[in-house]
Amino acid sequence: MKIALLEDDCLLAETVIEWLTEASHDVVHFKTGLDFIRKYPNDSFDLCLFDWMLPDMQGPDVMASIKMRANKLPPIIFFTGRSEEADIIRVIDAGADDYLVKPASKAMLLSRMNAVLSRANLNVSNDIFHEYGNIKFDIKHRSVLVDGDEAKLTDKEFDLALYFVRNEGALLSRMHLMHVVWGGSSDIETRKVDVHVSHLRTKLKLTPENGWKLTSIYQQGYRLERNQ
């Protein structure tokens, strides 16, 4: 199996790589979230091991970012020192397959990995269409229909739109959106996020009369909700 290891602690990474190599896995090590995001589209992995706290961003933001760029994700296990129940619930609800608190033994890590891989092989899905109300996303061709008519979106607008609908009702800060959609690029200004949101509001008809409410919350971010 080909495993992606996202871990900034080099000593711990060396140990984990040794464990996985002894178990006949190939391991690719990434030290930062941005490095992984940049290389992910050109590589494929059977499973990912993510730390939470990274030098440039947080593990859940890395997961959210790659989730927008692919129809089917490899299984993801969070292997981290954070042990709060709220953290575990947060990443499992966001799509992680398991959560293992450091320190953990080689046997425990390999056991969790085998269990996750077994479940993944039983749940293969080829669904490339995702519908949210009157908006339909074609993940494979990166196109969007609104009430049956195609909405012409740029790549970043598509990524941003998909993230909004997948997180309907959540308050999303500008900084969070910058990390997820633009991969944590430091040269992206928050004003650029505002411009893209404005474009989406028009192109996707995100207005109350069309069943949606995209709200700008002062100094906090944006929230997309269904207008009941």
C-alpha atoms as a PDB file:
ATOM      1  CA  MET A   1       0.000   0.000   0.000  1.00  0.00           C
ATOM      2  CA  LYS A   2       1.093   3.573  -0.672  1.00  0.00           C
ATOM      3  CA  ILE A   3       0.701   5.732   2.439  1.00  0.00           C
ATOM      4  CA  ALA A   4       0.881   9.525   2.747  1.00  0.00           C
ATOM      5  CA  LEU A   5       2.263  10.643   6.103  1.00  0.00           C
ATOM      6  CA  LEU A   6       1.603  14.290   6.991  1.00  0.00           C
ATOM      7  CA  GLU A   7       3.755  14.921  10.068  1.00  0.00           C
ATOM      8  CA  ASP A   8       6.060  17.814  10.940  1.00  0.00           C
ATOM      9  CA  ASP A   9       7.859  16.012  13.791  1.00  0.00           C
ATOM     10  CA  CYS A  10      10.770  14.463  11.901  1.00  0.00           C
ATOM     11  CA  LEU A  11      11.775  12.080  14.690  1.00  0.00           C
ATOM     12  CA  LEU A  12       8.264  10.694  15.011  1.00  0.00           C
ATOM     13  CA  ALA A  13       7.960  10.541  11.222  1.00  0.00           C
ATOM     14  CA  GLU A  14      11.129   8.423  11.025  1.00  0.00           C
ATOM     15  CA  THR A  15       9.664   5.962  13.529  1.00  0.00           C
ATOM     16  CA  VAL A  16       6.325   5.703  11.729  1.00  0.00           C
ATOM     17  CA  ILE A  17       8.021   5.319   8.355  1.00  0.00           C
ATOM     18  CA  GLU A  18      10.115   2.474   9.796  1.00  0.00           C
ATOM     19  CA  TRP A  19       6.984   0.752  11.152  1.00  0.00           C
ATOM     20  CA  LEU A  20       5.111   1.057   7.867  1.00  0.00           C
ATOM     21  CA  THR A  21       8.066   0.022   5.734  1.00  0.00           C
ATOM     22  CA  GLU A  22       8.514  -3.104   7.860  1.00  0.00           C
ATOM     23  CA  ALA A  23       4.842  -3.851   7.170  1.00  0.00           C
ATOM     24  CA  SER A  24       5.577  -3.661   3.406  1.00  0.00           C
ATOM     25  CA  HIS A  25       4.013  -0.245   2.833  1.00  0.00           C
ATOM     26  CA  ASP A  26       5.506   2.532   0.708  1.00  0.00           C
ATOM     27  CA  VAL A  27       5.495   5.866   2.542  1.00  0.00           C
ATOM     28  CA  VAL A  28       5.643   9.429   1.213  1.00  0.00           C
ATOM     29  CA  HIS A  29       6.387  11.951   3.960  1.00  0.00           C
ATOM     30  CA  PHE A  30       5.062  15.538   3.935  1.00  0.00           C
ATOM     31  CA  LYS A  31       6.067  18.121   6.545  1.00  0.00           C
ATOM     32  CA  THR A  32       3.538  20.842   5.720  1.00  0.00           C
ATOM     33  CA  GLY A  33      -0.094  20.956   4.677  1.00  0.00           C
ATOM     34  CA  LEU A  34       0.614  23.098   1.636  1.00  0.00           C
ATOM     35  CA  ASP A  35       3.274  20.679   0.389  1.00  0.00           C
ATOM     36  CA  PHE A  36       0.759  17.838   0.546  1.00  0.00           C
ATOM     37  CA  ILE A  37      -2.009  19.848  -1.127  1.00  0.00           C
ATOM     38  CA  ARG A  38       0.269  20.877  -3.996  1.00  0.00           C
ATOM     39  CA  LYS A  39       1.418  17.316  -4.689  1.00  0.00           C
ATOM     40  CA  TYR A  40      -1.823  15.479  -3.991  1.00  0.00           C
ATOM     41  CA  PRO A  41      -3.493  15.974  -7.400  1.00  0.00           C
ATOM     42  CA  ASN A  42      -0.526  14.358  -9.159  1.00  0.00           C
ATOM     43  CA  ASP A  43      -0.198  11.400  -6.837  1.00  0.00           C
ATOM     44  CA  SER A  44      -2.500   8.753  -5.443  1.00  0.00           C
ATOM     45  CA  PHE A  45      -2.484   7.087  -2.048  1.00  0.00           C
ATOM     46  CA  ASP A  46      -4.223   4.107  -0.533  1.00  0.00           C
ATOM     47  CA  LEU A  47      -4.381   5.783   2.888  1.00  0.00           C
ATOM     48  CA  CYS A  48      -3.381   9.071   4.549  1.00  0.00           C
ATOM     49  CA  LEU A  49      -2.093   9.629   8.091  1.00  0.00           C
ATOM     50  CA  PHE A  50      -2.609  13.239   9.171  1.00  0.00           C
ATOM     51  CA  ASP A  51      -1.270  15.144  12.151  1.00  0.00           C
ATOM     52  CA  TRP A  52      -3.516  17.975  13.371  1.00  0.00           C
ATOM     53  CA  MET A  53      -1.105  20.804  14.172  1.00  0.00           C
ATOM     54  CA  LEU A  54       1.209  21.624  11.264  1.00  0.00           C
ATOM     55  CA  PRO A  55       3.585  24.563  10.710  1.00  0.00           C
ATOM     56  CA  ASP A  56       1.352  26.236   8.124  1.00  0.00           C
ATOM     57  CA  MET A  57      -2.207  25.005   8.691  1.00  0.00           C
ATOM     58  CA  GLN A  58      -4.320  22.454  10.525  1.00  0.00           C
ATOM     59  CA  GLY A  59      -4.918  18.874   9.442  1.00  0.00           C
ATOM     60  CA  PRO A  60      -8.721  19.284   9.154  1.00  0.00           C
ATOM     61  CA  ASP A  61      -8.168  22.166   6.710  1.00  0.00           C
ATOM     62  CA  VAL A  62      -5.875  19.962   4.606  1.00  0.00           C
ATOM     63  CA  MET A  63      -8.567  17.285   4.502  1.00  0.00           C
ATOM     64  CA  ALA A  64     -11.212  19.825   3.504  1.00  0.00           C
ATOM     65  CA  SER A  65      -8.980  21.189   0.748  1.00  0.00           C
ATOM     66  CA  ILE A  66      -8.295  17.847  -0.933  1.00  0.00           C
ATOM     67  CA  LYS A  67     -11.931  16.855  -0.476  1.00  0.00           C
ATOM     68  CA  MET A  68     -12.865  19.566  -2.971  1.00  0.00           C
ATOM     69  CA  ARG A  69     -10.321  18.382  -5.532  1.00  0.00           C
ATOM     70  CA  ALA A  70     -11.386  14.762  -5.866  1.00  0.00           C
ATOM     71  CA  ASN A  71     -14.589  12.751  -6.138  1.00  0.00           C
ATOM     72  CA  LYS A  72     -13.205   9.904  -4.038  1.00  0.00           C
ATOM     73  CA  LEU A  73     -10.738  10.397  -1.212  1.00  0.00           C
ATOM     74  CA  PRO A  74      -8.401   7.766   0.173  1.00  0.00           C
ATOM     75  CA  PRO A  75      -9.138   6.757   3.762  1.00  0.00           C
ATOM     76  CA  ILE A  76      -7.807   9.313   6.247  1.00  0.00           C
ATOM     77  CA  ILE A  77      -6.681   8.583   9.800  1.00  0.00           C
ATOM     78  CA  PHE A  78      -5.814  11.428  12.157  1.00  0.00           C
ATOM     79  CA  PHE A  79      -2.755  10.468  14.215  1.00  0.00           C
ATOM     80  CA  THR A  80      -2.362  13.330  16.656  1.00  0.00           C
ATOM     81  CA  GLY A  81      -1.711  14.378  20.213  1.00  0.00           C
ATOM     82  CA  ARG A  82      -5.103  16.097  20.528  1.00  0.00           C
ATOM     83  CA  SER A  83      -7.394  13.938  22.640  1.00  0.00           C
ATOM     84  CA  GLU A  84     -10.443  16.138  23.274  1.00  0.00           C
ATOM     85  CA  GLU A  85     -13.724  14.455  22.394  1.00  0.00           C
ATOM     86  CA  ALA A  86     -14.869  17.562  20.509  1.00  0.00           C
ATOM     87  CA  ASP A  87     -11.829  17.348  18.219  1.00  0.00           C
ATOM     88  CA  ILE A  88     -12.460  13.673  17.477  1.00  0.00           C
ATOM     89  CA  ILE A  89     -16.127  14.296  16.704  1.00  0.00           C
ATOM     90  CA  ARG A  90     -15.251  17.275  14.506  1.00  0.00           C
ATOM     91  CA  VAL A  91     -12.925  15.404  12.143  1.00  0.00           C
ATOM     92  CA  ILE A  92     -14.998  12.218  12.022  1.00  0.00           C
ATOM     93  CA  ASP A  93     -18.069  14.268  11.103  1.00  0.00           C
ATOM     94  CA  ALA A  94     -15.962  16.062   8.462  1.00  0.00           C
ATOM     95  CA  GLY A  95     -15.081  12.777   6.785  1.00  0.00           C
ATOM     96  CA  ALA A  96     -12.054  11.271   8.544  1.00  0.00           C
ATOM     97  CA  ASP A  97     -12.185   7.487   8.819  1.00  0.00           C
ATOM     98  CA  ASP A  98     -10.507   7.103  12.209  1.00  0.00           C
ATOM     99  CA  TYR A  99      -8.684   8.989  14.956  1.00  0.00           C
ATOM    100  CA  LEU A 100      -5.691   7.698  16.894  1.00  0.00           C
ATOM    101  CA  VAL A 101      -4.178   9.626  19.803  1.00  0.00           C
ATOM    102  CA  LYS A 102      -0.402   9.770  20.212  1.00  0.00           C
ATOM    103  CA  PRO A 103       1.525   8.028  21.563  1.00  0.00           C
ATOM    104  CA  ALA A 104       0.382   4.740  20.060  1.00  0.00           C
ATOM    105  CA  SER A 105       2.155   1.465  19.452  1.00  0.00           C
ATOM    106  CA  LYS A 106       3.107   0.031  16.097  1.00  0.00           C
ATOM    107  CA  ALA A 107       0.589  -2.764  16.589  1.00  0.00           C
ATOM    108  CA  MET A 108      -2.241  -0.355  17.345  1.00  0.00           C
ATOM    109  CA  LEU A 109      -1.470   1.872  14.346  1.00  0.00           C
ATOM    110  CA  LEU A 110      -1.272  -1.062  11.915  1.00  0.00           C
ATOM    111  CA  SER A 111      -4.464  -2.565  13.343  1.00  0.00           C
ATOM    112  CA  ARG A 112      -6.393   0.695  12.844  1.00  0.00           C
ATOM    113  CA  MET A 113      -4.997   1.067   9.320  1.00  0.00           C
ATOM    114  CA  ASN A 114      -6.016  -2.472   8.354  1.00  0.00           C
ATOM    115  CA  ALA A 115      -9.526  -1.949   9.717  1.00  0.00           C
ATOM    116  CA  VAL A 116      -9.969   1.317   7.835  1.00  0.00           C
ATOM    117  CA  LEU A 117      -8.653  -0.159   4.582  1.00  0.00           C
ATOM    118  CA  SER A 118     -10.999  -3.127   4.902  1.00  0.00           C
ATOM    119  CA  ARG A 119     -14.001  -0.841   5.359  1.00  0.00           C
ATOM    120  CA  ALA A 120     -12.919   1.308   2.419  1.00  0.00           C
ATOM    121  CA  ASN A 121     -12.818  -1.687   0.098  1.00  0.00           C
ATOM    122  CA  LEU A 122     -16.425  -2.455   0.998  1.00  0.00           C
ATOM    123  CA  ASN A 123     -17.674   1.072   0.336  1.00  0.00           C
ATOM    124  CA  VAL A 124     -16.422   1.976  -3.130  1.00  0.00           C
ATOM    125  CA  SER A 125     -18.589   4.654  -4.749  1.00  0.00           C
ATOM    126  CA  ASN A 126     -18.526   5.983  -8.296  1.00  0.00           C
ATOM    127  CA  ASP A 127     -21.072   8.761  -7.713  1.00  0.00           C
ATOM    128  CA  ILE A 128     -19.822  11.908  -9.439  1.00  0.00           C
ATOM    129  CA  PHE A 129     -23.001  13.995  -9.133  1.00  0.00           C
ATOM    130  CA  HIS A 130     -23.808  15.857  -5.943  1.00  0.00           C
ATOM    131  CA  GLU A 131     -27.120  17.723  -5.608  1.00  0.00           C
ATOM    132  CA  TYR A 132     -27.930  20.439  -3.099  1.00  0.00           C
ATOM    133  CA  GLY A 133     -31.411  21.806  -3.612  1.00  0.00           C
ATOM    134  CA  ASN A 134     -31.558  23.366  -7.068  1.00  0.00           C
ATOM    135  CA  ILE A 135     -27.776  23.168  -7.534  1.00  0.00           C
ATOM    136  CA  LYS A 136     -26.141  20.096  -9.096  1.00  0.00           C
ATOM    137  CA  PHE A 137     -22.365  19.543  -9.140  1.00  0.00           C
ATOM    138  CA  ASP A 138     -20.595  17.294 -11.644  1.00  0.00           C
ATOM    139  CA  ILE A 139     -17.390  16.509  -9.730  1.00  0.00           C
ATOM    140  CA  LYS A 140     -15.658  14.727 -12.599  1.00  0.00           C
ATOM    141  CA  HIS A 141     -16.134  17.497 -15.155  1.00  0.00           C
ATOM    142  CA  ARG A 142     -16.154  20.316 -12.577  1.00  0.00           C
ATOM    143  CA  SER A 143     -19.359  21.830 -13.861  1.00  0.00           C
ATOM    144  CA  VAL A 144     -22.467  23.161 -12.097  1.00  0.00           C
ATOM    145  CA  LEU A 145     -26.140  23.331 -13.036  1.00  0.00           C
ATOM    146  CA  VAL A 146     -28.540  25.770 -11.370  1.00  0.00           C
ATOM    147  CA  ASP A 147     -32.201  24.964 -12.071  1.00  0.00           C
ATOM    148  CA  GLY A 148     -30.959  22.886 -14.997  1.00  0.00           C
ATOM    149  CA  ASP A 149     -28.884  25.675 -16.568  1.00  0.00           C
ATOM    150  CA  GLU A 150     -25.091  25.606 -16.541  1.00  0.00           C
ATOM    151  CA  ALA A 151     -23.358  28.206 -14.387  1.00  0.00           C
ATOM    152  CA  LYS A 152     -19.956  29.182 -15.765  1.00  0.00           C
ATOM    153  CA  LEU A 153     -17.530  29.044 -12.857  1.00  0.00           C
ATOM    154  CA  THR A 154     -13.772  29.406 -12.660  1.00  0.00           C
ATOM    155  CA  ASP A 155     -11.820  26.626 -10.914  1.00  0.00           C
ATOM    156  CA  LYS A 156     -11.621  28.557  -7.655  1.00  0.00           C
ATOM    157  CA  GLU A 157     -15.291  29.523  -7.820  1.00  0.00           C
ATOM    158  CA  PHE A 158     -16.167  25.834  -8.270  1.00  0.00           C
ATOM    159  CA  ASP A 159     -14.034  24.837  -5.268  1.00  0.00           C
ATOM    160  CA  LEU A 160     -15.493  27.610  -3.134  1.00  0.00           C
ATOM    161  CA  ALA A 161     -19.074  26.828  -4.141  1.00  0.00           C
ATOM    162  CA  LEU A 162     -18.676  23.125  -3.404  1.00  0.00           C
ATOM    163  CA  TYR A 163     -17.171  23.866  -0.009  1.00  0.00           C
ATOM    164  CA  PHE A 164     -20.008  26.221   0.885  1.00  0.00           C
ATOM    165  CA  VAL A 165     -22.773  23.730   0.060  1.00  0.00           C
ATOM    166  CA  ARG A 166     -20.940  20.869   1.786  1.00  0.00           C
ATOM    167  CA  ASN A 167     -20.766  23.033   4.905  1.00  0.00           C
ATOM    168  CA  GLU A 168     -24.262  24.459   4.747  1.00  0.00           C
ATOM    169  CA  GLY A 169     -25.146  26.343   7.925  1.00  0.00           C
ATOM    170  CA  ALA A 170     -21.565  26.625   9.178  1.00  0.00           C
ATOM    171  CA  LEU A 171     -19.867  29.949   9.817  1.00  0.00           C
ATOM    172  CA  LEU A 172     -16.741  29.953   7.620  1.00  0.00           C
ATOM    173  CA  SER A 173     -14.097  32.576   8.288  1.00  0.00           C
ATOM    174  CA  ARG A 174     -12.211  34.237   5.447  1.00  0.00           C
ATOM    175  CA  MET A 175      -8.925  32.852   6.752  1.00  0.00           C
ATOM    176  CA  HIS A 176     -10.376  29.333   6.819  1.00  0.00           C
ATOM    177  CA  LEU A 177     -11.630  29.692   3.245  1.00  0.00           C
ATOM    178  CA  MET A 178      -8.226  30.967   2.139  1.00  0.00           C
ATOM    179  CA  HIS A 179      -6.553  27.881   3.624  1.00  0.00           C
ATOM    180  CA  VAL A 180      -9.034  25.417   2.167  1.00  0.00           C
ATOM    181  CA  VAL A 181      -9.636  26.858  -1.306  1.00  0.00           C
ATOM    182  CA  TRP A 182      -6.308  28.556  -2.019  1.00  0.00           C
ATOM    183  CA  GLY A 183      -4.188  26.021  -0.156  1.00  0.00           C
ATOM    184  CA  GLY A 184      -3.040  28.424   2.514  1.00  0.00           C
ATOM    185  CA  SER A 185      -1.317  30.758   0.057  1.00  0.00           C
ATOM    186  CA  SER A 186      -0.032  33.784   1.955  1.00  0.00           C
ATOM    187  CA  ASP A 187      -0.376  36.111  -1.017  1.00  0.00           C
ATOM    188  CA  ILE A 188      -4.159  35.776  -1.174  1.00  0.00           C
ATOM    189  CA  GLU A 189      -5.894  38.774   0.357  1.00  0.00           C
ATOM    190  CA  THR A 190      -9.215  38.458   2.124  1.00  0.00           C
ATOM    191  CA  ARG A 191     -10.666  40.889  -0.392  1.00  0.00           C
ATOM    192  CA  LYS A 192     -10.188  38.212  -3.053  1.00  0.00           C
ATOM    193  CA  VAL A 193     -12.373  35.874  -1.023  1.00  0.00           C
ATOM    194  CA  ASP A 194     -15.069  38.572  -0.892  1.00  0.00           C
ATOM    195  CA  VAL A 195     -14.925  39.020  -4.674  1.00  0.00           C
ATOM    196  CA  HIS A 196     -15.313  35.279  -5.296  1.00  0.00           C
ATOM    197  CA  VAL A 197     -18.231  35.085  -2.865  1.00  0.00           C
ATOM    198  CA  SER A 198     -19.902  37.974  -4.674  1.00  0.00           C
ATOM    199  CA  HIS A 199     -19.505  36.141  -7.993  1.00  0.00           C
ATOM    200  CA  LEU A 200     -21.029  32.975  -6.542  1.00  0.00           C
ATOM    201  CA  ARG A 201     -23.988  34.844  -5.118  1.00  0.00           C
ATOM    202  CA  THR A 202     -24.795  36.038  -8.653  1.00  0.00           C
ATOM    203  CA  LYS A 203     -23.840  32.983 -10.720  1.00  0.00           C
ATOM    204  CA  LEU A 204     -25.522  30.416  -8.457  1.00  0.00           C
ATOM    205  CA  LYS A 205     -28.503  32.659  -7.672  1.00  0.00           C
ATOM    206  CA  LEU A 206     -27.893  32.394  -3.934  1.00  0.00           C
ATOM    207  CA  THR A 207     -30.815  34.608  -2.972  1.00  0.00           C
ATOM    208  CA  PRO A 208     -33.853  34.047  -0.710  1.00  0.00           C
ATOM    209  CA  GLU A 209     -36.241  33.948  -3.661  1.00  0.00           C
ATOM    210  CA  ASN A 210     -34.213  31.016  -5.032  1.00  0.00           C
ATOM    211  CA  GLY A 211     -34.115  29.162  -1.731  1.00  0.00           C
ATOM    212  CA  TRP A 212     -30.699  30.251  -0.445  1.00  0.00           C
ATOM    213  CA  LYS A 213     -29.270  32.823   1.947  1.00  0.00           C
ATOM    214  CA  LEU A 214     -25.540  33.624   1.765  1.00  0.00           C
ATOM    215  CA  THR A 215     -24.831  35.949   4.664  1.00  0.00           C
ATOM    216  CA  SER A 216     -21.741  38.062   5.318  1.00  0.00           C
ATOM    217  CA  ILE A 217     -21.123  38.303   9.070  1.00  0.00           C
ATOM    218  CA  TYR A 218     -19.058  41.317  10.057  1.00  0.00           C
ATOM    219  CA  GLN A 219     -15.436  40.472  10.965  1.00  0.00           C
ATOM    220  CA  GLN A 220     -16.268  36.758  11.084  1.00  0.00           C
ATOM    221  CA  GLY A 221     -16.948  35.349   7.629  1.00  0.00           C
ATOM    222  CA  TYR A 222     -19.811  33.825   5.659  1.00  0.00           C
ATOM    223  CA  ARG A 223     -22.678  31.408   6.238  1.00  0.00           C
ATOM    224  CA  LEU A 224     -24.704  29.670   3.518  1.00  0.00           C
ATOM    225  CA  GLU A 225     -28.171  28.506   4.546  1.00  0.00           C
ATOM    226  CA  ARG A 226     -31.337  27.213   2.933  1.00  0.00           C
ATOM    227  CA  ASN A 227     -34.071  29.832   2.999  1.00  0.00           C
ATOM    228  CA  GLN A 228     -36.995  27.875   4.399  1.00  0.00           C
END
